[in-house]
Amino acid sequence: MPFINIKVLKGTLSEEKKKEMISRVTEVVAEIEARPIPKEKLQTTYLVCY
C-alpha cells in the first residue's frame, strides 16, 4: 500500500486542480501496483496533497 506525499507551492493549484491531481496520481499508482492483479482488487492507496 503506497503512501504518496505531493507538496506544491501555496496558491499555485486551485482545489479543482488538486482534486484532479489526486485522482490521476491515484489511478496511475493503482494501475502500476495492480500488475498483474486487476486494480479493482487492490487495497487503499493514500495520497496527501498540500
N, C-alpha and C. Protein backbone atom coordinates (compact mmCIF):
# COMPACT_ATOMS: atom_id res chain seq x y z
N MET A 1 0.85 -1.16 0.00
CA MET A 1 0.00 0.00 0.00
C MET A 1 0.90 1.24 0.00
N PRO A 2 0.98 1.95 -1.11
CA PRO A 2 1.83 3.13 -1.19
C PRO A 2 1.26 4.33 -0.42
N PHE A 3 2.15 5.17 0.02
CA PHE A 3 1.79 6.46 0.60
C PHE A 3 2.48 7.52 -0.24
N ILE A 4 1.70 8.39 -0.84
CA ILE A 4 2.22 9.41 -1.75
C ILE A 4 2.07 10.78 -1.08
N ASN A 5 3.13 11.55 -1.10
CA ASN A 5 3.12 12.88 -0.49
C ASN A 5 3.57 13.88 -1.55
N ILE A 6 2.66 14.72 -2.00
CA ILE A 6 2.96 15.73 -3.02
C ILE A 6 2.87 17.10 -2.37
N LYS A 7 3.91 17.89 -2.54
CA LYS A 7 3.92 19.25 -2.00
C LYS A 7 4.04 20.23 -3.16
N VAL A 8 3.17 21.22 -3.15
CA VAL A 8 3.20 22.27 -4.17
C VAL A 8 3.24 23.62 -3.47
N LEU A 9 3.70 24.62 -4.16
CA LEU A 9 3.75 25.96 -3.58
C LEU A 9 2.34 26.45 -3.28
N LYS A 10 2.19 27.07 -2.13
CA LYS A 10 0.89 27.58 -1.69
C LYS A 10 0.31 28.52 -2.75
N GLY A 11 -0.94 28.28 -3.08
CA GLY A 11 -1.65 29.16 -4.01
C GLY A 11 -1.43 28.84 -5.48
N THR A 12 -0.65 27.80 -5.79
CA THR A 12 -0.38 27.51 -7.20
C THR A 12 -1.43 26.60 -7.83
N LEU A 13 -2.18 25.86 -7.00
CA LEU A 13 -3.21 24.98 -7.52
C LEU A 13 -4.56 25.29 -6.88
N SER A 14 -5.59 25.36 -7.70
CA SER A 14 -6.94 25.52 -7.18
C SER A 14 -7.38 24.20 -6.55
N GLU A 15 -8.45 24.22 -5.79
CA GLU A 15 -8.98 22.99 -5.18
C GLU A 15 -9.36 21.99 -6.28
N GLU A 16 -9.90 22.50 -7.38
CA GLU A 16 -10.28 21.64 -8.51
C GLU A 16 -9.05 20.92 -9.09
N LYS A 17 -7.96 21.66 -9.25
CA LYS A 17 -6.73 21.06 -9.80
C LYS A 17 -6.12 20.06 -8.81
N LYS A 18 -6.20 20.36 -7.51
CA LYS A 18 -5.71 19.41 -6.50
C LYS A 18 -6.50 18.10 -6.57
N LYS A 19 -7.82 18.22 -6.67
CA LYS A 19 -8.66 17.03 -6.76
C LYS A 19 -8.33 16.22 -8.01
N GLU A 20 -8.11 16.91 -9.13
CA GLU A 20 -7.75 16.22 -10.36
C GLU A 20 -6.39 15.52 -10.21
N MET A 21 -5.42 16.19 -9.61
CA MET A 21 -4.10 15.61 -9.41
C MET A 21 -4.20 14.36 -8.54
N ILE A 22 -4.93 14.45 -7.45
CA ILE A 22 -5.10 13.31 -6.55
C ILE A 22 -5.73 12.14 -7.29
N SER A 23 -6.76 12.41 -8.05
CA SER A 23 -7.45 11.37 -8.80
C SER A 23 -6.54 10.70 -9.82
N ARG A 24 -5.83 11.51 -10.59
CA ARG A 24 -4.98 10.96 -11.66
C ARG A 24 -3.76 10.22 -11.11
N VAL A 25 -3.12 10.77 -10.07
CA VAL A 25 -1.96 10.10 -9.48
C VAL A 25 -2.40 8.78 -8.85
N THR A 26 -3.50 8.78 -8.14
CA THR A 26 -4.03 7.56 -7.54
C THR A 26 -4.31 6.51 -8.60
N GLU A 27 -4.90 6.91 -9.71
CA GLU A 27 -5.22 6.00 -10.81
C GLU A 27 -3.95 5.35 -11.38
N VAL A 28 -2.93 6.15 -11.62
CA VAL A 28 -1.67 5.63 -12.17
C VAL A 28 -0.99 4.67 -11.20
N VAL A 29 -0.92 5.06 -9.94
CA VAL A 29 -0.28 4.21 -8.93
C VAL A 29 -1.04 2.90 -8.79
N ALA A 30 -2.36 2.95 -8.75
CA ALA A 30 -3.17 1.74 -8.64
C ALA A 30 -2.95 0.84 -9.85
N GLU A 31 -2.87 1.42 -11.02
CA GLU A 31 -2.65 0.64 -12.25
C GLU A 31 -1.29 -0.07 -12.20
N ILE A 32 -0.25 0.65 -11.81
CA ILE A 32 1.09 0.07 -11.74
C ILE A 32 1.17 -0.98 -10.64
N GLU A 33 0.64 -0.66 -9.47
CA GLU A 33 0.68 -1.56 -8.33
C GLU A 33 -0.10 -2.85 -8.61
N ALA A 34 -1.15 -2.75 -9.39
CA ALA A 34 -2.04 -3.87 -9.63
C ALA A 34 -1.45 -4.96 -10.52
N ARG A 35 -0.48 -4.62 -11.33
CA ARG A 35 0.04 -5.60 -12.27
C ARG A 35 0.54 -6.82 -11.54
N PRO A 36 0.18 -8.00 -11.85
CA PRO A 36 -0.81 -8.44 -12.84
C PRO A 36 -2.22 -8.57 -12.28
N ILE A 37 -2.48 -8.11 -11.06
CA ILE A 37 -3.80 -8.20 -10.44
C ILE A 37 -4.66 -7.01 -10.88
N PRO A 38 -5.95 -7.21 -11.18
CA PRO A 38 -6.81 -6.07 -11.52
C PRO A 38 -6.85 -5.04 -10.40
N LYS A 39 -6.75 -3.76 -10.74
CA LYS A 39 -6.68 -2.71 -9.73
C LYS A 39 -7.91 -2.64 -8.84
N GLU A 40 -9.04 -3.17 -9.31
CA GLU A 40 -10.26 -3.16 -8.50
C GLU A 40 -10.10 -4.02 -7.24
N LYS A 41 -9.14 -4.93 -7.24
CA LYS A 41 -8.95 -5.83 -6.10
C LYS A 41 -7.86 -5.34 -5.15
N LEU A 42 -7.33 -4.17 -5.38
CA LEU A 42 -6.27 -3.63 -4.53
C LEU A 42 -6.81 -3.04 -3.25
N GLN A 43 -5.91 -2.89 -2.28
CA GLN A 43 -6.27 -2.20 -1.05
C GLN A 43 -6.13 -0.70 -1.28
N THR A 44 -6.14 0.05 -0.23
CA THR A 44 -6.14 1.52 -0.28
C THR A 44 -4.77 2.08 -0.65
N THR A 45 -4.79 3.17 -1.42
CA THR A 45 -3.60 3.98 -1.67
C THR A 45 -3.85 5.32 -1.01
N TYR A 46 -2.86 5.82 -0.25
CA TYR A 46 -3.00 7.11 0.43
C TYR A 46 -2.24 8.17 -0.31
N LEU A 47 -2.86 9.31 -0.55
CA LEU A 47 -2.22 10.43 -1.21
C LEU A 47 -2.52 11.69 -0.43
N VAL A 48 -1.49 12.43 -0.09
CA VAL A 48 -1.62 13.70 0.62
C VAL A 48 -1.12 14.80 -0.31
N CYS A 49 -1.94 15.80 -0.51
CA CYS A 49 -1.55 16.92 -1.37
C CYS A 49 -1.69 18.21 -0.56
N TYR A 50 -0.57 18.90 -0.37
CA TYR A 50 -0.57 20.14 0.41
C TYR A 50 -0.72 21.32 -0.51
